[in-house]
Amino acid sequence: MIRDLGRSRARDVEDSSGVRGLHIVENVELERMLFDRNLVGLPYRRACFEASRLFLAHLRDEFARFGAAELVILSKGIAYQLAAAAETLDINLPANLVATSRVNVLSDDAKVDISYSRFDAGGSTLVIGDTVASGATVVTAVEAYRKVHDLERVFLLSYAGSTTGAHRVAEYCDSSGVDCTILYGLASFGLGVNGFDLSFNHEETITRSEYRSRAMELYSGKQVSAVGWDFGSQFMAPEKYRELCSVEARVHGLSGGEEFALAKRPVNLESLSRESAAFVDRLDIPQD
């Protein structure tokens, strides 16, 4: 049961998305995060923390029934701060760790490798905080966990996630006999052709009309990703985030605009190599 909250609401979008267990959560903290690409540093970290606290509060009854352990997908899972957010609700989340990396990104898929894992905490119920594009990272991490522990249910919390990814995770869980509940922030996004963009302006995005209208005005109708190409860099690697914003602005023809006021032109693309699939076919940028 998804608990009703006064300052945050969760609505079931199974009928419109075709994904059983998918809910869209709407609150002011998520609006701050997903409509301000200039929000960085400590303010962004705090917005993430509060959004995670509200995600968990929606599920408080479920945690009371089943308990839960966290599966931290490194490194982006750190940005969700779930254990600290749970502490404010008198919930303890033991931590399982797994380090993943995307080695090949396609429009609706990705190949994911695991370089490290530690599943000492165990638990038949997992809560995962991760930004979801193709869903490959979550599926790979959960599959690795299931090789070590029995798993009965997963709660996937995502500030920004695609319908494509939700389908993939839900179908994997269903085929594995694992109950799956997914909470997405403000929308179930259409996934951009580069495999990175999660935009309110994508034609397949499921969201409220007021959010779509707001994004259309903010980004002049361009399909700008609500969380950029490297979620978490907003406070984990702010200089890299600024450089990625510069490339994004050029891709979308928005250089010099207030939408990307913090953009900083990269000296070279070496530091952005992990995200190069997002723009390599869309913009010719000198390598030196």
C-alpha atoms as a PDB file:
ATOM      1  CA  MET A   1       0.000   0.000   0.000  1.00  0.00           C
ATOM      2  CA  ILE A   2       1.421   3.396  -1.041  1.00  0.00           C
ATOM      3  CA  ARG A   3       0.815   5.758   1.873  1.00  0.00           C
ATOM      4  CA  ASP A   4      -0.944   9.062   1.159  1.00  0.00           C
ATOM      5  CA  LEU A   5       1.036  12.149   2.216  1.00  0.00           C
ATOM      6  CA  GLY A   6      -0.176  15.703   2.537  1.00  0.00           C
ATOM      7  CA  ARG A   7       2.802  17.328   0.832  1.00  0.00           C
ATOM      8  CA  SER A   8       3.505  14.569  -1.677  1.00  0.00           C
ATOM      9  CA  ARG A   9       1.216  12.343  -3.724  1.00  0.00           C
ATOM     10  CA  ALA A  10       1.774   9.103  -5.588  1.00  0.00           C
ATOM     11  CA  ARG A  11      -0.534   8.120  -8.415  1.00  0.00           C
ATOM     12  CA  ASP A  12      -0.780   4.727 -10.069  1.00  0.00           C
ATOM     13  CA  VAL A  13      -0.006   4.908 -13.816  1.00  0.00           C
ATOM     14  CA  GLU A  14      -0.288   1.222 -14.674  1.00  0.00           C
ATOM     15  CA  ASP A  15      -3.099   1.850 -17.149  1.00  0.00           C
ATOM     16  CA  SER A  16      -1.234   4.532 -19.131  1.00  0.00           C
ATOM     17  CA  SER A  17       2.229   2.956 -18.904  1.00  0.00           C
ATOM     18  CA  GLY A  18       1.399  -0.746 -19.113  1.00  0.00           C
ATOM     19  CA  VAL A  19       3.754  -1.336 -16.155  1.00  0.00           C
ATOM     20  CA  ARG A  20       2.264  -3.011 -13.113  1.00  0.00           C
ATOM     21  CA  GLY A  21       3.370  -1.377  -9.875  1.00  0.00           C
ATOM     22  CA  LEU A  22       4.519   1.899 -11.441  1.00  0.00           C
ATOM     23  CA  HIS A  23       3.626   5.108  -9.591  1.00  0.00           C
ATOM     24  CA  ILE A  24       4.476   8.747 -10.291  1.00  0.00           C
ATOM     25  CA  VAL A  25       5.309  10.826  -7.228  1.00  0.00           C
ATOM     26  CA  GLU A  26       4.701  14.571  -7.269  1.00  0.00           C
ATOM     27  CA  ASN A  27       6.013  17.104  -4.756  1.00  0.00           C
ATOM     28  CA  VAL A  28       7.803  20.433  -4.567  1.00  0.00           C
ATOM     29  CA  GLU A  29      11.261  18.914  -3.964  1.00  0.00           C
ATOM     30  CA  LEU A  30      11.073  16.850  -7.139  1.00  0.00           C
ATOM     31  CA  GLU A  31       9.889  19.921  -9.033  1.00  0.00           C
ATOM     32  CA  ARG A  32      12.924  21.834  -7.782  1.00  0.00           C
ATOM     33  CA  MET A  33      15.253  19.090  -8.984  1.00  0.00           C
ATOM     34  CA  LEU A  34      13.681  18.379 -12.349  1.00  0.00           C
ATOM     35  CA  PHE A  35      12.947  21.933 -13.500  1.00  0.00           C
ATOM     36  CA  ASP A  36      16.164  23.699 -12.567  1.00  0.00           C
ATOM     37  CA  ARG A  37      19.266  22.558 -14.397  1.00  0.00           C
ATOM     38  CA  ASN A  38      21.196  25.297 -12.554  1.00  0.00           C
ATOM     39  CA  LEU A  39      20.566  23.735  -9.136  1.00  0.00           C
ATOM     40  CA  VAL A  40      23.920  22.336  -7.974  1.00  0.00           C
ATOM     41  CA  GLY A  41      26.062  21.725  -4.905  1.00  0.00           C
ATOM     42  CA  LEU A  42      24.566  21.642  -1.440  1.00  0.00           C
ATOM     43  CA  PRO A  43      21.080  22.884  -2.505  1.00  0.00           C
ATOM     44  CA  TYR A  44      20.845  19.978  -4.966  1.00  0.00           C
ATOM     45  CA  ARG A  45      22.089  17.491  -2.372  1.00  0.00           C
ATOM     46  CA  ARG A  46      19.453  18.729   0.074  1.00  0.00           C
ATOM     47  CA  ALA A  47      16.700  18.510  -2.532  1.00  0.00           C
ATOM     48  CA  CYS A  48      17.718  14.912  -3.269  1.00  0.00           C
ATOM     49  CA  PHE A  49      17.680  14.071   0.424  1.00  0.00           C
ATOM     50  CA  GLU A  50      14.197  15.479   0.968  1.00  0.00           C
ATOM     51  CA  ALA A  51      12.837  13.822  -2.190  1.00  0.00           C
ATOM     52  CA  SER A  52      14.221  10.493  -0.962  1.00  0.00           C
ATOM     53  CA  ARG A  53      12.678  11.033   2.475  1.00  0.00           C
ATOM     54  CA  LEU A  54       9.283  11.544   0.839  1.00  0.00           C
ATOM     55  CA  PHE A  55       9.730   8.483  -1.395  1.00  0.00           C
ATOM     56  CA  LEU A  56      10.405   6.395   1.698  1.00  0.00           C
ATOM     57  CA  ALA A  57       7.537   7.968   3.629  1.00  0.00           C
ATOM     58  CA  HIS A  58       5.144   6.824   0.898  1.00  0.00           C
ATOM     59  CA  LEU A  59       6.361   3.264   1.532  1.00  0.00           C
ATOM     60  CA  ARG A  60       6.534   3.380   5.303  1.00  0.00           C
ATOM     61  CA  ASP A  61       3.690   0.887   5.759  1.00  0.00           C
ATOM     62  CA  GLU A  62       5.449  -1.555   3.437  1.00  0.00           C
ATOM     63  CA  PHE A  63       8.703  -1.306   5.389  1.00  0.00           C
ATOM     64  CA  ALA A  64       6.766  -1.888   8.613  1.00  0.00           C
ATOM     65  CA  ARG A  65       5.375  -5.124   7.124  1.00  0.00           C
ATOM     66  CA  PHE A  66       8.454  -6.507   5.434  1.00  0.00           C
ATOM     67  CA  GLY A  67      11.516  -4.605   6.586  1.00  0.00           C
ATOM     68  CA  ALA A  68      14.071  -3.798   3.902  1.00  0.00           C
ATOM     69  CA  ALA A  69      17.748  -3.575   3.065  1.00  0.00           C
ATOM     70  CA  GLU A  70      19.226  -1.209   0.529  1.00  0.00           C
ATOM     71  CA  LEU A  71      21.014  -2.281  -2.617  1.00  0.00           C
ATOM     72  CA  VAL A  72      23.346   0.653  -3.279  1.00  0.00           C
ATOM     73  CA  ILE A  73      24.298   0.798  -6.949  1.00  0.00           C
ATOM     74  CA  LEU A  74      27.598   2.655  -7.063  1.00  0.00           C
ATOM     75  CA  SER A  75      28.125   5.386  -7.663  1.00  0.00           C
ATOM     76  CA  LYS A  76      24.837   7.090  -8.510  1.00  0.00           C
ATOM     77  CA  GLY A  77      22.971   5.331  -5.727  1.00  0.00           C
ATOM     78  CA  ILE A  78      24.991   7.385  -3.245  1.00  0.00           C
ATOM     79  CA  ALA A  79      23.202  10.526  -4.431  1.00  0.00           C
ATOM     80  CA  TYR A  80      19.876   9.131  -3.196  1.00  0.00           C
ATOM     81  CA  GLN A  81      21.104   9.146   0.435  1.00  0.00           C
ATOM     82  CA  LEU A  82      18.474   6.535   1.267  1.00  0.00           C
ATOM     83  CA  ALA A  83      19.975   5.267   4.522  1.00  0.00           C
ATOM     84  CA  ALA A  84      20.243   8.767   5.980  1.00  0.00           C
ATOM     85  CA  ALA A  85      16.764   9.684   4.742  1.00  0.00           C
ATOM     86  CA  ALA A  86      15.352   6.487   6.262  1.00  0.00           C
ATOM     87  CA  GLU A  87      16.928   7.330   9.603  1.00  0.00           C
ATOM     88  CA  THR A  88      14.729  10.441   9.857  1.00  0.00           C
ATOM     89  CA  LEU A  89      11.729   8.086   9.647  1.00  0.00           C
ATOM     90  CA  ASP A  90      13.148   5.715  12.309  1.00  0.00           C
ATOM     91  CA  ILE A  91      13.910   3.121   9.633  1.00  0.00           C
ATOM     92  CA  ASN A  92      17.244   1.329   9.418  1.00  0.00           C
ATOM     93  CA  LEU A  93      18.425   0.253   5.976  1.00  0.00           C
ATOM     94  CA  PRO A  94      21.290  -2.277   6.057  1.00  0.00           C
ATOM     95  CA  ALA A  95      23.476  -1.803   2.981  1.00  0.00           C
ATOM     96  CA  ASN A  96      24.394  -4.144   0.152  1.00  0.00           C
ATOM     97  CA  LEU A  97      26.836  -2.685  -2.384  1.00  0.00           C
ATOM     98  CA  VAL A  98      27.399  -3.240  -6.087  1.00  0.00           C
ATOM     99  CA  ALA A  99      29.537  -1.252  -8.517  1.00  0.00           C
ATOM    100  CA  THR A 100      28.361  -1.180 -12.138  1.00  0.00           C
ATOM    101  CA  SER A 101      29.531   0.521 -15.309  1.00  0.00           C
ATOM    102  CA  ARG A 102      27.841   0.915 -18.675  1.00  0.00           C
ATOM    103  CA  VAL A 103      30.285  -0.231 -21.349  1.00  0.00           C
ATOM    104  CA  ASN A 104      27.995   0.202 -24.343  1.00  0.00           C
ATOM    105  CA  VAL A 105      24.877   2.371 -24.636  1.00  0.00           C
ATOM    106  CA  LEU A 106      22.244   1.979 -27.346  1.00  0.00           C
ATOM    107  CA  SER A 107      19.005   3.900 -27.791  1.00  0.00           C
ATOM    108  CA  ASP A 108      16.995   1.584 -25.549  1.00  0.00           C
ATOM    109  CA  ASP A 109      19.581  -0.774 -24.081  1.00  0.00           C
ATOM    110  CA  ALA A 110      22.989  -0.855 -22.442  1.00  0.00           C
ATOM    111  CA  LYS A 111      25.632  -3.459 -21.644  1.00  0.00           C
ATOM    112  CA  VAL A 112      26.520  -3.301 -17.964  1.00  0.00           C
ATOM    113  CA  ASP A 113      29.521  -4.810 -16.193  1.00  0.00           C
ATOM    114  CA  ILE A 114      29.912  -5.418 -12.452  1.00  0.00           C
ATOM    115  CA  SER A 115      33.350  -4.713 -10.985  1.00  0.00           C
ATOM    116  CA  TYR A 116      32.577  -5.080  -7.272  1.00  0.00           C
ATOM    117  CA  SER A 117      29.849  -6.417  -5.037  1.00  0.00           C
ATOM    118  CA  ARG A 118      29.290  -6.999  -1.357  1.00  0.00           C
ATOM    119  CA  PHE A 119      25.969  -8.448  -0.306  1.00  0.00           C
ATOM    120  CA  ASP A 120      26.637  -9.081   3.397  1.00  0.00           C
ATOM    121  CA  ALA A 121      23.432  -7.392   4.578  1.00  0.00           C
ATOM    122  CA  GLY A 122      21.210  -9.723   2.581  1.00  0.00           C
ATOM    123  CA  GLY A 123      17.459  -9.356   2.887  1.00  0.00           C
ATOM    124  CA  SER A 124      14.463 -10.664   0.980  1.00  0.00           C
ATOM    125  CA  THR A 125      13.197  -7.102   0.397  1.00  0.00           C
ATOM    126  CA  LEU A 126      15.400  -4.543  -1.319  1.00  0.00           C
ATOM    127  CA  VAL A 127      15.025  -0.814  -1.801  1.00  0.00           C
ATOM    128  CA  ILE A 128      17.044   0.685  -4.663  1.00  0.00           C
ATOM    129  CA  GLY A 129      17.595   4.327  -5.535  1.00  0.00           C
ATOM    130  CA  ASP A 130      18.757   4.794  -9.111  1.00  0.00           C
ATOM    131  CA  THR A 131      18.028   6.958 -12.129  1.00  0.00           C
ATOM    132  CA  VAL A 132      16.613   4.629 -14.775  1.00  0.00           C
ATOM    133  CA  ALA A 133      17.220   4.865 -18.512  1.00  0.00           C
ATOM    134  CA  SER A 134      17.153   1.449 -20.220  1.00  0.00           C
ATOM    135  CA  GLY A 135      16.801  -0.409 -16.905  1.00  0.00           C
ATOM    136  CA  ALA A 136      19.845  -2.552 -17.704  1.00  0.00           C
ATOM    137  CA  THR A 137      21.832  -1.404 -14.669  1.00  0.00           C
ATOM    138  CA  VAL A 138      19.072  -2.265 -12.185  1.00  0.00           C
ATOM    139  CA  VAL A 139      18.410  -5.647 -13.797  1.00  0.00           C
ATOM    140  CA  THR A 140      22.121  -6.524 -13.813  1.00  0.00           C
ATOM    141  CA  ALA A 141      22.516  -5.508 -10.159  1.00  0.00           C
ATOM    142  CA  VAL A 142      19.437  -7.426  -9.008  1.00  0.00           C
ATOM    143  CA  GLU A 143      20.468 -10.504 -10.977  1.00  0.00           C
ATOM    144  CA  ALA A 144      23.865 -10.464  -9.264  1.00  0.00           C
ATOM    145  CA  TYR A 145      22.177 -10.146  -5.867  1.00  0.00           C
ATOM    146  CA  ARG A 146      19.836 -13.062  -6.579  1.00  0.00           C
ATOM    147  CA  LYS A 147      22.816 -15.329  -7.173  1.00  0.00           C
ATOM    148  CA  VAL A 148      23.648 -14.894  -3.490  1.00  0.00           C
ATOM    149  CA  HIS A 149      20.305 -14.308  -1.728  1.00  0.00           C
ATOM    150  CA  ASP A 150      16.654 -15.187  -2.149  1.00  0.00           C
ATOM    151  CA  LEU A 151      14.649 -12.136  -3.122  1.00  0.00           C
ATOM    152  CA  GLU A 152      10.909 -11.621  -2.741  1.00  0.00           C
ATOM    153  CA  ARG A 153      10.322  -7.929  -3.503  1.00  0.00           C
ATOM    154  CA  VAL A 154      11.978  -4.798  -4.834  1.00  0.00           C
ATOM    155  CA  PHE A 155      11.121  -1.155  -4.278  1.00  0.00           C
ATOM    156  CA  LEU A 156      12.764   0.938  -7.002  1.00  0.00           C
ATOM    157  CA  LEU A 157      12.888   4.680  -6.340  1.00  0.00           C
ATOM    158  CA  SER A 158      13.948   6.975  -9.165  1.00  0.00           C
ATOM    159  CA  TYR A 159      13.977  10.765  -9.351  1.00  0.00           C
ATOM    160  CA  ALA A 160      13.827  10.354 -13.133  1.00  0.00           C
ATOM    161  CA  GLY A 161      13.050   7.111 -14.936  1.00  0.00           C
ATOM    162  CA  SER A 162      11.894   5.967 -18.355  1.00  0.00           C
ATOM    163  CA  THR A 163       8.885   3.846 -19.221  1.00  0.00           C
ATOM    164  CA  THR A 164      11.273   1.658 -21.230  1.00  0.00           C
ATOM    165  CA  GLY A 165      13.337   1.025 -18.104  1.00  0.00           C
ATOM    166  CA  ALA A 166      10.279   0.412 -15.948  1.00  0.00           C
ATOM    167  CA  HIS A 167       9.037  -2.222 -18.400  1.00  0.00           C
ATOM    168  CA  ARG A 168      12.400  -3.953 -18.392  1.00  0.00           C
ATOM    169  CA  VAL A 169      12.754  -4.028 -14.604  1.00  0.00           C
ATOM    170  CA  ALA A 170       9.121  -5.068 -14.020  1.00  0.00           C
ATOM    171  CA  GLU A 171       9.273  -7.834 -16.631  1.00  0.00           C
ATOM    172  CA  TYR A 172      12.535  -9.169 -15.195  1.00  0.00           C
ATOM    173  CA  CYS A 173      11.089  -9.204 -11.678  1.00  0.00           C
ATOM    174  CA  ASP A 174       7.866 -10.851 -12.860  1.00  0.00           C
ATOM    175  CA  SER A 175       9.769 -13.594 -14.659  1.00  0.00           C
ATOM    176  CA  SER A 176      11.860 -14.137 -11.515  1.00  0.00           C
ATOM    177  CA  GLY A 177       8.932 -14.310  -9.119  1.00  0.00           C
ATOM    178  CA  VAL A 178       9.887 -11.013  -7.458  1.00  0.00           C
ATOM    179  CA  ASP A 179       7.228  -8.448  -6.543  1.00  0.00           C
ATOM    180  CA  CYS A 180       8.163  -5.014  -7.904  1.00  0.00           C
ATOM    181  CA  THR A 181       6.995  -1.526  -6.954  1.00  0.00           C
ATOM    182  CA  ILE A 182       8.432   1.472  -8.814  1.00  0.00           C
ATOM    183  CA  LEU A 183       8.190   5.117  -7.765  1.00  0.00           C
ATOM    184  CA  TYR A 184       9.219   7.719 -10.373  1.00  0.00           C
ATOM    185  CA  GLY A 185       9.574  11.445  -9.922  1.00  0.00           C
ATOM    186  CA  LEU A 186       6.974  13.634 -11.741  1.00  0.00           C
ATOM    187  CA  ALA A 187       6.887  11.542 -14.938  1.00  0.00           C
ATOM    188  CA  SER A 188       7.495   8.242 -16.634  1.00  0.00           C
ATOM    189  CA  PHE A 189       9.822   9.579 -19.282  1.00  0.00           C
ATOM    190  CA  GLY A 190      10.217   8.672 -22.898  1.00  0.00           C
ATOM    191  CA  LEU A 191      13.834   7.647 -23.498  1.00  0.00           C
ATOM    192  CA  GLY A 192      15.849   9.721 -25.968  1.00  0.00           C
ATOM    193  CA  VAL A 193      17.453   8.071 -28.980  1.00  0.00           C
ATOM    194  CA  ASN A 194      20.876   8.553 -27.388  1.00  0.00           C
ATOM    195  CA  GLY A 195      19.881   6.335 -24.446  1.00  0.00           C
ATOM    196  CA  PHE A 196      20.475   9.172 -21.963  1.00  0.00           C
ATOM    197  CA  ASP A 197      17.836  11.890 -22.364  1.00  0.00           C
ATOM    198  CA  LEU A 198      14.840  11.825 -20.030  1.00  0.00           C
ATOM    199  CA  SER A 199      12.766  14.786 -21.200  1.00  0.00           C
ATOM    200  CA  PHE A 200       9.326  16.108 -20.313  1.00  0.00           C
ATOM    201  CA  ASN A 201       9.086  17.116 -23.991  1.00  0.00           C
ATOM    202  CA  HIS A 202       9.507  13.573 -25.348  1.00  0.00           C
ATOM    203  CA  GLU A 203       6.324  12.490 -27.108  1.00  0.00           C
ATOM    204  CA  GLU A 204       6.138   9.262 -25.057  1.00  0.00           C
ATOM    205  CA  THR A 205       6.553  10.912 -21.651  1.00  0.00           C
ATOM    206  CA  ILE A 206       3.674  10.291 -19.243  1.00  0.00           C
ATOM    207  CA  THR A 207       3.197  13.328 -17.027  1.00  0.00           C
ATOM    208  CA  ARG A 208       0.744  16.014 -16.054  1.00  0.00           C
ATOM    209  CA  SER A 209      -0.078  18.564 -18.751  1.00  0.00           C
ATOM    210  CA  GLU A 210       1.151  21.399 -16.538  1.00  0.00           C
ATOM    211  CA  TYR A 211       4.591  19.808 -16.266  1.00  0.00           C
ATOM    212  CA  ARG A 212       4.778  19.305 -20.027  1.00  0.00           C
ATOM    213  CA  SER A 213       3.726  22.922 -20.643  1.00  0.00           C
ATOM    214  CA  ARG A 214       6.279  24.175 -18.140  1.00  0.00           C
ATOM    215  CA  ALA A 215       9.082  22.229 -19.814  1.00  0.00           C
ATOM    216  CA  MET A 216       7.992  23.313 -23.307  1.00  0.00           C
ATOM    217  CA  GLU A 217       8.321  26.946 -22.257  1.00  0.00           C
ATOM    218  CA  LEU A 218      11.510  26.456 -20.267  1.00  0.00           C
ATOM    219  CA  TYR A 219      13.419  24.639 -23.027  1.00  0.00           C
ATOM    220  CA  SER A 220      11.760  26.140 -26.114  1.00  0.00           C
ATOM    221  CA  GLY A 221      10.265  22.758 -26.958  1.00  0.00           C
ATOM    222  CA  LYS A 222      13.668  21.003 -27.048  1.00  0.00           C
ATOM    223  CA  GLN A 223      14.013  17.523 -25.521  1.00  0.00           C
ATOM    224  CA  VAL A 224      16.389  18.536 -22.736  1.00  0.00           C
ATOM    225  CA  SER A 225      16.992  15.855 -20.131  1.00  0.00           C
ATOM    226  CA  ALA A 226      15.461  16.684 -16.752  1.00  0.00           C
ATOM    227  CA  VAL A 227      18.552  15.419 -14.899  1.00  0.00           C
ATOM    228  CA  GLY A 228      21.298  15.798 -17.500  1.00  0.00           C
ATOM    229  CA  TRP A 229      23.571  13.053 -18.768  1.00  0.00           C
ATOM    230  CA  ASP A 230      25.317  12.142 -15.510  1.00  0.00           C
ATOM    231  CA  PHE A 231      22.847  12.289 -12.659  1.00  0.00           C
ATOM    232  CA  GLY A 232      24.459  13.056  -9.312  1.00  0.00           C
ATOM    233  CA  SER A 233      27.309  15.049 -10.805  1.00  0.00           C
ATOM    234  CA  GLN A 234      25.299  18.124  -9.796  1.00  0.00           C
ATOM    235  CA  PHE A 235      26.921  17.773  -6.367  1.00  0.00           C
ATOM    236  CA  MET A 236      29.290  14.798  -6.692  1.00  0.00           C
ATOM    237  CA  ALA A 237      31.292  16.275  -9.598  1.00  0.00           C
ATOM    238  CA  PRO A 238      29.998  19.843 -10.200  1.00  0.00           C
ATOM    239  CA  GLU A 239      32.766  20.908 -12.603  1.00  0.00           C
ATOM    240  CA  LYS A 240      32.068  17.897 -14.813  1.00  0.00           C
ATOM    241  CA  TYR A 241      28.370  18.727 -14.623  1.00  0.00           C
ATOM    242  CA  ARG A 242      29.069  22.261 -15.857  1.00  0.00           C
ATOM    243  CA  GLU A 243      31.045  20.888 -18.823  1.00  0.00           C
ATOM    244  CA  LEU A 244      28.292  18.424 -19.688  1.00  0.00           C
ATOM    245  CA  CYS A 245      25.781  21.278 -19.548  1.00  0.00           C
ATOM    246  CA  SER A 246      27.881  23.171 -22.088  1.00  0.00           C
ATOM    247  CA  VAL A 247      27.765  20.238 -24.506  1.00  0.00           C
ATOM    248  CA  GLU A 248      24.033  19.744 -23.906  1.00  0.00           C
ATOM    249  CA  ALA A 249      23.358  23.416 -24.581  1.00  0.00           C
ATOM    250  CA  ARG A 250      25.219  23.213 -27.893  1.00  0.00           C
ATOM    251  CA  VAL A 251      23.386  20.027 -28.902  1.00  0.00           C
ATOM    252  CA  HIS A 252      20.023  21.675 -28.265  1.00  0.00           C
ATOM    253  CA  GLY A 253      20.926  25.092 -29.638  1.00  0.00           C
ATOM    254  CA  LEU A 254      20.507  26.724 -26.228  1.00  0.00           C
ATOM    255  CA  SER A 255      24.028  28.061 -25.626  1.00  0.00           C
ATOM    256  CA  GLY A 256      24.055  31.307 -23.722  1.00  0.00           C
ATOM    257  CA  GLY A 257      20.537  30.843 -22.360  1.00  0.00           C
ATOM    258  CA  GLU A 258      19.455  30.945 -18.734  1.00  0.00           C
ATOM    259  CA  GLU A 259      18.511  27.256 -18.898  1.00  0.00           C
ATOM    260  CA  PHE A 260      22.218  26.389 -18.735  1.00  0.00           C
ATOM    261  CA  ALA A 261      23.611  29.435 -16.946  1.00  0.00           C
ATOM    262  CA  LEU A 262      26.288  27.327 -15.226  1.00  0.00           C
ATOM    263  CA  ALA A 263      27.631  25.780 -18.446  1.00  0.00           C
ATOM    264  CA  LYS A 264      31.417  25.748 -18.827  1.00  0.00           C
ATOM    265  CA  ARG A 265      33.004  24.798 -22.143  1.00  0.00           C
ATOM    266  CA  PRO A 266      35.207  21.711 -21.704  1.00  0.00           C
ATOM    267  CA  VAL A 267      38.895  22.028 -22.536  1.00  0.00           C
ATOM    268  CA  ASN A 268      38.734  18.524 -24.013  1.00  0.00           C
ATOM    269  CA  LEU A 269      36.342  15.594 -23.860  1.00  0.00           C
ATOM    270  CA  GLU A 270      38.472  13.183 -21.842  1.00  0.00           C
ATOM    271  CA  SER A 271      36.563  13.839 -18.634  1.00  0.00           C
ATOM    272  CA  LEU A 272      33.255  13.286 -20.479  1.00  0.00           C
ATOM    273  CA  SER A 273      34.170  10.000 -22.143  1.00  0.00           C
ATOM    274  CA  ARG A 274      31.672   7.955 -20.099  1.00  0.00           C
ATOM    275  CA  GLU A 275      28.845  10.104 -21.456  1.00  0.00           C
ATOM    276  CA  SER A 276      30.162  10.464 -25.017  1.00  0.00           C
ATOM    277  CA  ALA A 277      27.436   8.207 -26.417  1.00  0.00           C
ATOM    278  CA  ALA A 278      24.947  10.931 -25.489  1.00  0.00           C
ATOM    279  CA  PHE A 279      26.416  13.405 -27.968  1.00  0.00           C
ATOM    280  CA  VAL A 280      29.045  11.805 -30.206  1.00  0.00           C
ATOM    281  CA  ASP A 281      26.659  11.499 -33.164  1.00  0.00           C
ATOM    282  CA  ARG A 282      24.912  14.813 -32.553  1.00  0.00           C
ATOM    283  CA  LEU A 283      27.679  17.403 -32.391  1.00  0.00           C
ATOM    284  CA  ASP A 284      31.145  17.774 -33.823  1.00  0.00           C
ATOM    285  CA  ILE A 285      33.335  18.975 -30.970  1.00  0.00           C
ATOM    286  CA  PRO A 286      37.139  19.215 -31.387  1.00  0.00           C
ATOM    287  CA  GLN A 287      39.041  16.813 -29.200  1.00  0.00           C
ATOM    288  CA  ASP A 288      41.771  19.320 -28.279  1.00  0.00           C
END
